[in-house]
Amino acid sequence: MVENEISQNNLVTTPLETQEHQQLEQFLRFHLVPETTLLLSVAQLTEVITIPLGQIVPIPQMPSWVMGVYNWRGEILWMIDLGALLGLTPWHQQSQVTPIYRTMVLHSGGYNKGTAKAHRQHLGAVVNGVDDIEWCNPNEIQSPPGSAITPSLAPFLRGYWLPPQGEMLVVLDGEAILAAMPKP
């Protein structure tokens, strides 16, 4: 065995391959209408839930992309139409009506100095479908050309990633999505 190799479970990797694997980050691949595939870091997600239609309570005088609130684990979870926020087809204008909302629960880890406690903000983002987990090296996420960005998408864009065998994927910034939520 070569001196610079590490063997685990009959799998031989070089230190360079081990270092590259440690740099990988998990991203959830999901869909919005029309035919848009996006990624969001799993580190920014709490869970993916299914909500029956009629369970989101609308709140008046909010932006059109704010769907309302939902009782999530005994807490109020603000719900947004992620497609509408990004300038895509709003949920209520889509032809595919399903009896459920697929929802990604995003979180932001903050620290409240006054109480010396960790403070987490949560937000429910309704999407058309959740696909799979992608492993991506964050250093491979590239800035898009300025002409390829719509003004409604730009504030929420982390960049684009081109997997070795696939189409280019839009990578969103969960913190920017959470920051867009108006204060009630």
N, C-alpha and C. Protein backbone atom coordinates (compact mmCIF):
# COMPACT_ATOMS: atom_id res chain seq x y z
N MET A 1 0.84 -1.17 0.00
CA MET A 1 0.00 0.00 0.00
C MET A 1 0.89 1.23 0.00
N VAL A 2 0.50 2.22 -0.79
CA VAL A 2 1.27 3.46 -0.89
C VAL A 2 1.13 4.24 0.41
N GLU A 3 2.18 4.89 0.82
CA GLU A 3 2.23 5.57 2.11
C GLU A 3 1.18 6.68 2.24
N ASN A 4 0.82 7.37 1.15
CA ASN A 4 -0.11 8.49 1.21
C ASN A 4 -1.57 8.10 1.03
N GLU A 5 -1.89 6.81 1.09
CA GLU A 5 -3.26 6.38 0.89
C GLU A 5 -3.90 5.98 2.22
N ILE A 6 -5.23 6.14 2.26
CA ILE A 6 -6.00 5.78 3.44
C ILE A 6 -6.98 4.70 3.01
N SER A 7 -7.07 3.61 3.77
CA SER A 7 -7.99 2.54 3.42
C SER A 7 -9.09 2.44 4.46
N GLN A 8 -10.37 2.51 3.98
CA GLN A 8 -11.52 2.35 4.85
C GLN A 8 -12.51 1.46 4.13
N ASN A 9 -12.89 0.37 4.76
CA ASN A 9 -13.87 -0.57 4.19
C ASN A 9 -13.49 -0.98 2.77
N ASN A 10 -12.25 -1.32 2.57
CA ASN A 10 -11.73 -1.73 1.26
C ASN A 10 -11.81 -0.65 0.20
N LEU A 11 -12.06 0.58 0.59
CA LEU A 11 -12.10 1.70 -0.33
C LEU A 11 -10.81 2.49 -0.12
N VAL A 12 -10.06 2.65 -1.17
CA VAL A 12 -8.79 3.35 -1.07
C VAL A 12 -8.95 4.74 -1.65
N THR A 13 -8.66 5.76 -0.85
CA THR A 13 -8.73 7.14 -1.31
C THR A 13 -7.42 7.83 -0.99
N THR A 14 -7.07 8.77 -1.80
CA THR A 14 -5.87 9.56 -1.53
C THR A 14 -6.26 10.71 -0.62
N PRO A 15 -5.29 11.32 0.06
CA PRO A 15 -5.62 12.47 0.92
C PRO A 15 -6.30 13.59 0.15
N LEU A 16 -5.95 13.79 -1.12
CA LEU A 16 -6.56 14.83 -1.92
C LEU A 16 -8.05 14.54 -2.14
N GLU A 17 -8.41 13.27 -2.45
CA GLU A 17 -9.81 12.91 -2.63
C GLU A 17 -10.59 13.07 -1.33
N THR A 18 -9.99 12.73 -0.21
CA THR A 18 -10.63 12.90 1.10
C THR A 18 -10.88 14.37 1.37
N GLN A 19 -9.92 15.21 1.06
CA GLN A 19 -10.06 16.65 1.26
C GLN A 19 -11.18 17.21 0.37
N GLU A 20 -11.26 16.76 -0.88
CA GLU A 20 -12.32 17.21 -1.78
C GLU A 20 -13.69 16.79 -1.26
N HIS A 21 -13.81 15.56 -0.74
CA HIS A 21 -15.09 15.09 -0.20
C HIS A 21 -15.52 15.92 1.00
N GLN A 22 -14.57 16.32 1.83
CA GLN A 22 -14.89 17.13 3.00
C GLN A 22 -15.38 18.51 2.60
N GLN A 23 -15.03 18.99 1.40
CA GLN A 23 -15.46 20.30 0.95
C GLN A 23 -16.86 20.27 0.35
N LEU A 24 -17.42 19.10 0.10
CA LEU A 24 -18.74 19.00 -0.51
C LEU A 24 -19.83 19.40 0.48
N GLU A 25 -20.88 19.96 -0.07
CA GLU A 25 -22.02 20.39 0.73
C GLU A 25 -23.27 19.79 0.11
N GLN A 26 -24.26 19.47 0.94
CA GLN A 26 -25.51 18.90 0.43
C GLN A 26 -26.49 20.02 0.08
N PHE A 27 -27.15 19.85 -1.07
CA PHE A 27 -28.16 20.79 -1.53
C PHE A 27 -29.42 20.01 -1.89
N LEU A 28 -30.57 20.57 -1.55
CA LEU A 28 -31.84 19.96 -1.93
C LEU A 28 -32.23 20.49 -3.30
N ARG A 29 -32.53 19.58 -4.23
CA ARG A 29 -32.98 19.96 -5.57
C ARG A 29 -34.50 19.96 -5.55
N PHE A 30 -35.10 21.06 -6.03
CA PHE A 30 -36.55 21.19 -6.06
C PHE A 30 -36.98 21.93 -7.33
N HIS A 31 -38.30 21.96 -7.56
CA HIS A 31 -38.84 22.52 -8.79
C HIS A 31 -39.85 23.62 -8.53
N LEU A 32 -39.87 24.58 -9.46
CA LEU A 32 -40.90 25.61 -9.52
C LEU A 32 -41.40 25.67 -10.95
N VAL A 33 -42.59 26.23 -11.14
CA VAL A 33 -43.17 26.38 -12.48
C VAL A 33 -42.75 27.75 -12.99
N PRO A 34 -42.33 27.88 -14.23
CA PRO A 34 -42.30 26.91 -15.31
C PRO A 34 -40.95 26.22 -15.41
N GLU A 35 -40.94 24.92 -15.36
CA GLU A 35 -39.75 24.09 -15.63
C GLU A 35 -38.45 24.65 -15.07
N THR A 36 -38.45 25.04 -13.82
CA THR A 36 -37.26 25.62 -13.20
C THR A 36 -36.78 24.69 -12.09
N THR A 37 -35.52 24.28 -12.17
CA THR A 37 -34.93 23.43 -11.14
C THR A 37 -33.94 24.28 -10.36
N LEU A 38 -34.03 24.21 -9.04
CA LEU A 38 -33.21 25.04 -8.17
C LEU A 38 -32.58 24.19 -7.08
N LEU A 39 -31.59 24.77 -6.40
CA LEU A 39 -30.93 24.13 -5.26
C LEU A 39 -30.95 25.07 -4.07
N LEU A 40 -31.03 24.48 -2.88
CA LEU A 40 -30.92 25.23 -1.64
C LEU A 40 -30.11 24.38 -0.67
N SER A 41 -29.18 24.99 0.03
CA SER A 41 -28.32 24.27 0.96
C SER A 41 -29.16 23.56 2.02
N VAL A 42 -28.87 22.29 2.24
CA VAL A 42 -29.57 21.52 3.27
C VAL A 42 -29.31 22.13 4.65
N ALA A 43 -28.18 22.78 4.82
CA ALA A 43 -27.85 23.41 6.11
C ALA A 43 -28.84 24.52 6.45
N GLN A 44 -29.58 25.04 5.47
CA GLN A 44 -30.54 26.11 5.69
C GLN A 44 -31.97 25.59 5.83
N LEU A 45 -32.13 24.26 5.83
CA LEU A 45 -33.46 23.65 5.90
C LEU A 45 -33.66 22.91 7.22
N THR A 46 -34.87 22.99 7.74
CA THR A 46 -35.24 22.22 8.92
C THR A 46 -35.87 20.91 8.50
N GLU A 47 -36.82 20.98 7.55
CA GLU A 47 -37.49 19.79 7.04
C GLU A 47 -38.32 20.15 5.83
N VAL A 48 -38.83 19.13 5.17
CA VAL A 48 -39.79 19.29 4.07
C VAL A 48 -41.09 18.68 4.57
N ILE A 49 -42.18 19.44 4.48
CA ILE A 49 -43.48 18.97 4.97
C ILE A 49 -44.53 19.05 3.86
N THR A 50 -45.61 18.33 4.07
CA THR A 50 -46.76 18.37 3.18
C THR A 50 -47.92 18.95 3.95
N ILE A 51 -48.54 19.98 3.39
CA ILE A 51 -49.64 20.67 4.06
C ILE A 51 -50.90 20.53 3.20
N PRO A 52 -52.01 20.03 3.77
CA PRO A 52 -53.26 19.94 3.00
C PRO A 52 -53.77 21.33 2.62
N LEU A 53 -54.40 21.42 1.43
CA LEU A 53 -55.01 22.69 1.02
C LEU A 53 -56.00 23.15 2.09
N GLY A 54 -56.10 24.42 2.28
CA GLY A 54 -57.04 24.97 3.26
C GLY A 54 -56.46 25.12 4.65
N GLN A 55 -55.24 24.65 4.88
CA GLN A 55 -54.63 24.74 6.21
C GLN A 55 -53.81 26.02 6.42
N ILE A 56 -53.56 26.75 5.33
CA ILE A 56 -52.83 28.02 5.44
C ILE A 56 -53.86 29.13 5.60
N VAL A 57 -53.72 29.92 6.67
CA VAL A 57 -54.66 31.00 6.96
C VAL A 57 -54.11 32.29 6.34
N PRO A 58 -54.86 32.88 5.38
CA PRO A 58 -54.38 34.11 4.75
C PRO A 58 -54.34 35.28 5.74
N ILE A 59 -53.39 36.17 5.52
CA ILE A 59 -53.25 37.37 6.35
C ILE A 59 -53.42 38.57 5.42
N PRO A 60 -54.34 39.49 5.73
CA PRO A 60 -54.56 40.63 4.84
C PRO A 60 -53.39 41.62 4.85
N GLN A 61 -53.32 42.41 3.79
CA GLN A 61 -52.35 43.50 3.64
C GLN A 61 -50.91 43.04 3.67
N MET A 62 -50.65 41.88 3.07
CA MET A 62 -49.28 41.38 2.92
C MET A 62 -48.96 41.33 1.43
N PRO A 63 -47.68 41.24 1.08
CA PRO A 63 -47.34 41.10 -0.35
C PRO A 63 -48.01 39.86 -0.94
N SER A 64 -48.24 39.87 -2.25
CA SER A 64 -48.97 38.79 -2.90
C SER A 64 -48.28 37.43 -2.75
N TRP A 65 -46.97 37.41 -2.55
CA TRP A 65 -46.25 36.14 -2.42
C TRP A 65 -46.31 35.57 -1.01
N VAL A 66 -46.86 36.32 -0.05
CA VAL A 66 -47.08 35.80 1.31
C VAL A 66 -48.43 35.11 1.32
N MET A 67 -48.43 33.80 1.50
CA MET A 67 -49.66 33.02 1.45
C MET A 67 -50.45 33.10 2.75
N GLY A 68 -49.77 33.29 3.88
CA GLY A 68 -50.43 33.35 5.17
C GLY A 68 -49.61 32.62 6.23
N VAL A 69 -50.29 32.05 7.21
CA VAL A 69 -49.61 31.35 8.31
C VAL A 69 -50.17 29.94 8.44
N TYR A 70 -49.36 29.09 9.07
CA TYR A 70 -49.71 27.69 9.28
C TYR A 70 -49.27 27.29 10.69
N ASN A 71 -50.08 26.46 11.35
CA ASN A 71 -49.73 25.96 12.68
C ASN A 71 -48.76 24.80 12.52
N TRP A 72 -47.49 25.07 12.79
CA TRP A 72 -46.42 24.08 12.63
C TRP A 72 -45.83 23.78 14.00
N ARG A 73 -46.06 22.58 14.49
CA ARG A 73 -45.54 22.14 15.79
C ARG A 73 -45.95 23.10 16.92
N GLY A 74 -47.14 23.67 16.82
CA GLY A 74 -47.63 24.59 17.83
C GLY A 74 -47.09 26.00 17.68
N GLU A 75 -46.35 26.28 16.62
CA GLU A 75 -45.81 27.62 16.36
C GLU A 75 -46.43 28.17 15.09
N ILE A 76 -46.43 29.48 14.96
CA ILE A 76 -46.90 30.12 13.74
C ILE A 76 -45.77 30.11 12.74
N LEU A 77 -46.03 29.50 11.58
CA LEU A 77 -45.05 29.43 10.50
C LEU A 77 -45.58 30.27 9.35
N TRP A 78 -44.87 31.34 9.01
CA TRP A 78 -45.23 32.15 7.86
C TRP A 78 -44.97 31.35 6.61
N MET A 79 -45.91 31.40 5.66
CA MET A 79 -45.84 30.63 4.42
C MET A 79 -45.73 31.57 3.23
N ILE A 80 -44.80 31.27 2.33
CA ILE A 80 -44.64 32.08 1.13
C ILE A 80 -44.74 31.21 -0.12
N ASP A 81 -45.14 31.83 -1.20
CA ASP A 81 -45.13 31.21 -2.52
C ASP A 81 -43.76 31.54 -3.11
N LEU A 82 -42.83 30.61 -3.04
CA LEU A 82 -41.45 30.88 -3.47
C LEU A 82 -41.38 31.25 -4.94
N GLY A 83 -42.18 30.61 -5.77
CA GLY A 83 -42.20 30.95 -7.20
C GLY A 83 -42.58 32.40 -7.43
N ALA A 84 -43.64 32.86 -6.76
CA ALA A 84 -44.08 34.25 -6.91
C ALA A 84 -43.01 35.22 -6.40
N LEU A 85 -42.36 34.89 -5.29
CA LEU A 85 -41.29 35.75 -4.76
C LEU A 85 -40.16 35.92 -5.77
N LEU A 86 -39.84 34.84 -6.50
CA LEU A 86 -38.73 34.86 -7.45
C LEU A 86 -39.14 35.38 -8.83
N GLY A 87 -40.40 35.77 -9.00
CA GLY A 87 -40.85 36.30 -10.28
C GLY A 87 -41.32 35.25 -11.26
N LEU A 88 -41.58 34.04 -10.76
CA LEU A 88 -42.08 32.96 -11.61
C LEU A 88 -43.61 32.89 -11.47
N THR A 89 -44.23 31.87 -12.05
CA THR A 89 -45.68 31.73 -12.01
C THR A 89 -46.17 31.52 -10.57
N PRO A 90 -47.06 32.40 -10.07
CA PRO A 90 -47.59 32.21 -8.72
C PRO A 90 -48.37 30.91 -8.60
N TRP A 91 -48.43 30.36 -7.40
CA TRP A 91 -49.08 29.08 -7.11
C TRP A 91 -50.53 29.07 -7.60
N HIS A 92 -51.27 30.14 -7.32
CA HIS A 92 -52.70 30.17 -7.66
C HIS A 92 -52.96 30.30 -9.17
N GLN A 93 -51.94 30.59 -9.98
CA GLN A 93 -52.11 30.69 -11.43
C GLN A 93 -51.62 29.45 -12.16
N GLN A 94 -51.18 28.45 -11.44
CA GLN A 94 -50.64 27.24 -12.09
C GLN A 94 -51.77 26.29 -12.46
N SER A 95 -51.55 25.59 -13.56
CA SER A 95 -52.59 24.67 -14.04
C SER A 95 -52.63 23.37 -13.25
N GLN A 96 -51.50 22.98 -12.64
CA GLN A 96 -51.46 21.73 -11.87
C GLN A 96 -51.87 22.00 -10.43
N VAL A 97 -53.12 21.76 -10.13
CA VAL A 97 -53.61 21.97 -8.77
C VAL A 97 -53.58 20.62 -8.07
N THR A 98 -52.88 20.57 -6.95
CA THR A 98 -52.82 19.34 -6.16
C THR A 98 -53.51 19.59 -4.82
N PRO A 99 -53.92 18.55 -4.11
CA PRO A 99 -54.61 18.74 -2.82
C PRO A 99 -53.65 19.06 -1.66
N ILE A 100 -52.38 19.26 -1.98
CA ILE A 100 -51.39 19.52 -0.92
C ILE A 100 -50.40 20.60 -1.36
N TYR A 101 -49.74 21.19 -0.39
CA TYR A 101 -48.63 22.10 -0.62
C TYR A 101 -47.35 21.37 -0.21
N ARG A 102 -46.37 21.29 -1.09
CA ARG A 102 -45.03 20.80 -0.72
C ARG A 102 -44.30 22.02 -0.17
N THR A 103 -43.79 21.89 1.02
CA THR A 103 -43.22 23.04 1.71
C THR A 103 -41.85 22.72 2.28
N MET A 104 -40.88 23.59 1.99
CA MET A 104 -39.56 23.49 2.61
C MET A 104 -39.55 24.47 3.79
N VAL A 105 -39.19 23.99 4.96
CA VAL A 105 -39.11 24.86 6.13
C VAL A 105 -37.66 25.33 6.23
N LEU A 106 -37.46 26.62 5.98
CA LEU A 106 -36.13 27.23 6.05
C LEU A 106 -35.91 27.77 7.45
N HIS A 107 -34.67 27.80 7.87
CA HIS A 107 -34.37 28.39 9.17
C HIS A 107 -33.14 29.29 9.07
N SER A 108 -33.11 30.20 10.00
CA SER A 108 -31.99 31.11 10.14
C SER A 108 -31.54 31.00 11.59
N GLY A 109 -30.28 30.72 11.78
CA GLY A 109 -29.77 30.64 13.14
C GLY A 109 -29.23 31.99 13.55
N GLY A 110 -29.84 32.58 14.52
CA GLY A 110 -29.38 33.88 15.01
C GLY A 110 -29.09 33.81 16.48
N TYR A 111 -28.46 34.84 16.99
CA TYR A 111 -28.12 34.88 18.41
C TYR A 111 -28.69 36.15 18.98
N ASN A 112 -29.52 36.05 20.00
CA ASN A 112 -30.13 37.19 20.64
C ASN A 112 -29.28 37.59 21.84
N LYS A 113 -28.58 38.72 21.72
CA LYS A 113 -27.66 39.16 22.78
C LYS A 113 -28.38 39.46 24.09
N GLY A 114 -29.61 39.98 24.00
CA GLY A 114 -30.35 40.36 25.20
C GLY A 114 -30.68 39.18 26.10
N THR A 115 -30.98 38.03 25.51
CA THR A 115 -31.36 36.88 26.32
C THR A 115 -30.29 35.80 26.36
N ALA A 116 -29.21 36.01 25.63
CA ALA A 116 -28.10 35.04 25.54
C ALA A 116 -28.60 33.67 25.10
N LYS A 117 -29.62 33.67 24.24
CA LYS A 117 -30.17 32.43 23.71
C LYS A 117 -30.05 32.43 22.20
N ALA A 118 -29.97 31.24 21.67
CA ALA A 118 -30.02 31.13 20.22
C ALA A 118 -31.45 31.41 19.77
N HIS A 119 -31.59 32.22 18.74
CA HIS A 119 -32.91 32.56 18.21
C HIS A 119 -32.99 32.08 16.77
N ARG A 120 -33.99 31.29 16.48
CA ARG A 120 -34.15 30.77 15.14
C ARG A 120 -35.42 31.29 14.52
N GLN A 121 -35.31 31.79 13.31
CA GLN A 121 -36.46 32.22 12.55
C GLN A 121 -36.77 31.12 11.54
N HIS A 122 -38.05 30.79 11.37
CA HIS A 122 -38.47 29.77 10.41
C HIS A 122 -39.42 30.39 9.40
N LEU A 123 -39.45 29.79 8.22
CA LEU A 123 -40.30 30.25 7.15
C LEU A 123 -40.64 29.05 6.26
N GLY A 124 -41.89 28.94 5.88
CA GLY A 124 -42.32 27.86 4.99
C GLY A 124 -42.35 28.36 3.55
N ALA A 125 -41.65 27.69 2.65
CA ALA A 125 -41.60 28.06 1.24
C ALA A 125 -42.29 26.97 0.42
N VAL A 126 -43.43 27.31 -0.19
CA VAL A 126 -44.18 26.37 -1.00
C VAL A 126 -43.52 26.25 -2.37
N VAL A 127 -43.28 25.00 -2.78
CA VAL A 127 -42.64 24.69 -4.07
C VAL A 127 -43.49 23.66 -4.80
N ASN A 128 -43.19 23.42 -6.08
CA ASN A 128 -43.97 22.46 -6.86
C ASN A 128 -43.56 21.02 -6.62
N GLY A 129 -42.31 20.79 -6.32
CA GLY A 129 -41.86 19.43 -6.09
C GLY A 129 -40.47 19.41 -5.51
N VAL A 130 -40.20 18.40 -4.72
CA VAL A 130 -38.88 18.20 -4.13
C VAL A 130 -38.31 16.95 -4.76
N ASP A 131 -37.05 17.03 -5.17
CA ASP A 131 -36.47 15.95 -5.96
C ASP A 131 -35.51 15.08 -5.17
N ASP A 132 -34.30 15.58 -4.95
CA ASP A 132 -33.22 14.74 -4.44
C ASP A 132 -32.17 15.63 -3.80
N ILE A 133 -31.17 14.98 -3.23
CA ILE A 133 -30.02 15.68 -2.65
C ILE A 133 -28.88 15.66 -3.66
N GLU A 134 -28.26 16.80 -3.86
CA GLU A 134 -27.08 16.93 -4.72
C GLU A 134 -25.88 17.24 -3.83
N TRP A 135 -24.75 16.62 -4.12
CA TRP A 135 -23.49 16.95 -3.44
C TRP A 135 -22.75 17.93 -4.34
N CYS A 136 -22.37 19.06 -3.80
CA CYS A 136 -21.74 20.10 -4.60
C CYS A 136 -20.62 20.75 -3.80
N ASN A 137 -19.53 21.04 -4.48
CA ASN A 137 -18.45 21.81 -3.88
C ASN A 137 -18.86 23.28 -3.98
N PRO A 138 -19.07 23.97 -2.86
CA PRO A 138 -19.51 25.37 -2.92
C PRO A 138 -18.57 26.27 -3.73
N ASN A 139 -17.31 25.87 -3.85
CA ASN A 139 -16.38 26.66 -4.66
C ASN A 139 -16.69 26.58 -6.15
N GLU A 140 -17.52 25.62 -6.56
CA GLU A 140 -17.89 25.47 -7.96
C GLU A 140 -19.15 26.26 -8.32
N ILE A 141 -19.77 26.89 -7.34
CA ILE A 141 -20.93 27.74 -7.61
C ILE A 141 -20.42 29.04 -8.20
N GLN A 142 -20.93 29.37 -9.39
CA GLN A 142 -20.43 30.52 -10.13
C GLN A 142 -21.45 31.64 -10.16
N SER A 143 -20.94 32.85 -10.27
CA SER A 143 -21.81 34.01 -10.46
C SER A 143 -22.34 33.98 -11.88
N PRO A 144 -23.61 34.28 -12.04
CA PRO A 144 -24.18 34.26 -13.38
C PRO A 144 -23.84 35.55 -14.13
N PRO A 145 -23.88 35.50 -15.45
CA PRO A 145 -23.71 36.73 -16.21
C PRO A 145 -24.87 37.68 -15.91
N GLY A 146 -24.59 38.96 -15.84
CA GLY A 146 -25.61 39.95 -15.49
C GLY A 146 -26.84 39.89 -16.36
N SER A 147 -26.69 39.56 -17.63
CA SER A 147 -27.83 39.53 -18.55
C SER A 147 -28.74 38.33 -18.28
N ALA A 148 -28.27 37.32 -17.55
CA ALA A 148 -29.05 36.12 -17.30
C ALA A 148 -29.91 36.22 -16.05
N ILE A 149 -29.80 37.32 -15.32
CA ILE A 149 -30.50 37.45 -14.05
C ILE A 149 -31.69 38.38 -14.20
N THR A 150 -32.86 37.92 -13.75
CA THR A 150 -34.02 38.80 -13.72
C THR A 150 -33.96 39.62 -12.43
N PRO A 151 -34.47 40.83 -12.43
CA PRO A 151 -34.41 41.67 -11.22
C PRO A 151 -35.09 41.03 -10.01
N SER A 152 -36.14 40.23 -10.24
CA SER A 152 -36.83 39.61 -9.10
C SER A 152 -36.04 38.45 -8.51
N LEU A 153 -35.19 37.81 -9.30
CA LEU A 153 -34.39 36.67 -8.83
C LEU A 153 -33.08 37.12 -8.17
N ALA A 154 -32.50 38.20 -8.66
CA ALA A 154 -31.16 38.63 -8.25
C ALA A 154 -30.94 38.69 -6.73
N PRO A 155 -31.85 39.25 -5.93
CA PRO A 155 -31.56 39.34 -4.49
C PRO A 155 -31.46 38.00 -3.77
N PHE A 156 -32.00 36.93 -4.37
CA PHE A 156 -32.06 35.63 -3.72
C PHE A 156 -31.09 34.62 -4.30
N LEU A 157 -30.29 35.06 -5.23
CA LEU A 157 -29.40 34.17 -5.98
C LEU A 157 -28.03 34.06 -5.33
N ARG A 158 -27.66 32.84 -5.05
CA ARG A 158 -26.29 32.57 -4.58
C ARG A 158 -25.37 32.34 -5.77
N GLY A 159 -25.93 31.78 -6.85
CA GLY A 159 -25.17 31.55 -8.07
C GLY A 159 -25.75 30.41 -8.87
N TYR A 160 -24.94 29.89 -9.79
CA TYR A 160 -25.32 28.75 -10.63
C TYR A 160 -24.29 27.65 -10.46
N TRP A 161 -24.76 26.41 -10.57
CA TRP A 161 -23.86 25.26 -10.51
C TRP A 161 -24.13 24.38 -11.70
N LEU A 162 -23.07 23.96 -12.36
CA LEU A 162 -23.17 23.07 -13.50
C LEU A 162 -22.61 21.72 -13.10
N PRO A 163 -23.50 20.74 -12.81
CA PRO A 163 -23.01 19.41 -12.44
C PRO A 163 -22.32 18.76 -13.64
N PRO A 164 -21.42 17.80 -13.37
CA PRO A 164 -20.67 17.15 -14.46
C PRO A 164 -21.55 16.57 -15.55
N GLN A 165 -22.68 15.97 -15.20
CA GLN A 165 -23.56 15.39 -16.21
C GLN A 165 -24.97 15.91 -15.99
N GLY A 166 -25.22 17.14 -16.38
CA GLY A 166 -26.56 17.67 -16.20
C GLY A 166 -26.68 19.11 -16.63
N GLU A 167 -27.91 19.63 -16.42
CA GLU A 167 -28.17 21.01 -16.79
C GLU A 167 -27.75 21.96 -15.67
N MET A 168 -27.59 23.23 -16.02
CA MET A 168 -27.19 24.23 -15.04
C MET A 168 -28.32 24.42 -14.03
N LEU A 169 -27.96 24.49 -12.75
CA LEU A 169 -28.94 24.62 -11.68
C LEU A 169 -28.77 25.95 -10.96
N VAL A 170 -29.88 26.58 -10.64
CA VAL A 170 -29.89 27.84 -9.90
C VAL A 170 -29.73 27.50 -8.42
N VAL A 171 -28.81 28.19 -7.74
CA VAL A 171 -28.59 27.98 -6.31
C VAL A 171 -29.08 29.22 -5.57
N LEU A 172 -30.04 29.01 -4.65
CA LEU A 172 -30.63 30.12 -3.90
C LEU A 172 -29.95 30.30 -2.56
N ASP A 173 -30.11 31.50 -2.00
CA ASP A 173 -29.58 31.85 -0.69
C ASP A 173 -30.75 31.89 0.29
N GLY A 174 -30.83 30.92 1.18
CA GLY A 174 -31.92 30.84 2.15
C GLY A 174 -32.00 32.03 3.07
N GLU A 175 -30.87 32.58 3.47
CA GLU A 175 -30.87 33.75 4.36
C GLU A 175 -31.53 34.95 3.66
N ALA A 176 -31.27 35.12 2.37
CA ALA A 176 -31.87 36.23 1.62
C ALA A 176 -33.38 36.05 1.53
N ILE A 177 -33.85 34.81 1.38
CA ILE A 177 -35.28 34.54 1.32
C ILE A 177 -35.93 34.90 2.67
N LEU A 178 -35.28 34.49 3.75
CA LEU A 178 -35.80 34.80 5.09
C LEU A 178 -35.81 36.31 5.34
N ALA A 179 -34.79 37.01 4.86
CA ALA A 179 -34.69 38.46 5.07
C ALA A 179 -35.76 39.21 4.30
N ALA A 180 -36.32 38.64 3.24
CA ALA A 180 -37.33 39.31 2.43
C ALA A 180 -38.69 39.35 3.12
N MET A 181 -38.87 38.49 4.11
CA MET A 181 -40.18 38.40 4.77
C MET A 181 -40.50 39.71 5.49
N PRO A 182 -41.64 40.33 5.16
CA PRO A 182 -42.00 41.58 5.84
C PRO A 182 -42.33 41.33 7.31
N LYS A 183 -42.06 42.30 8.11
CA LYS A 183 -42.39 42.20 9.54
C LYS A 183 -43.86 42.50 9.74
N PRO A 184 -44.61 41.55 10.32
CA PRO A 184 -46.06 41.76 10.49
C PRO A 184 -46.38 42.88 11.46
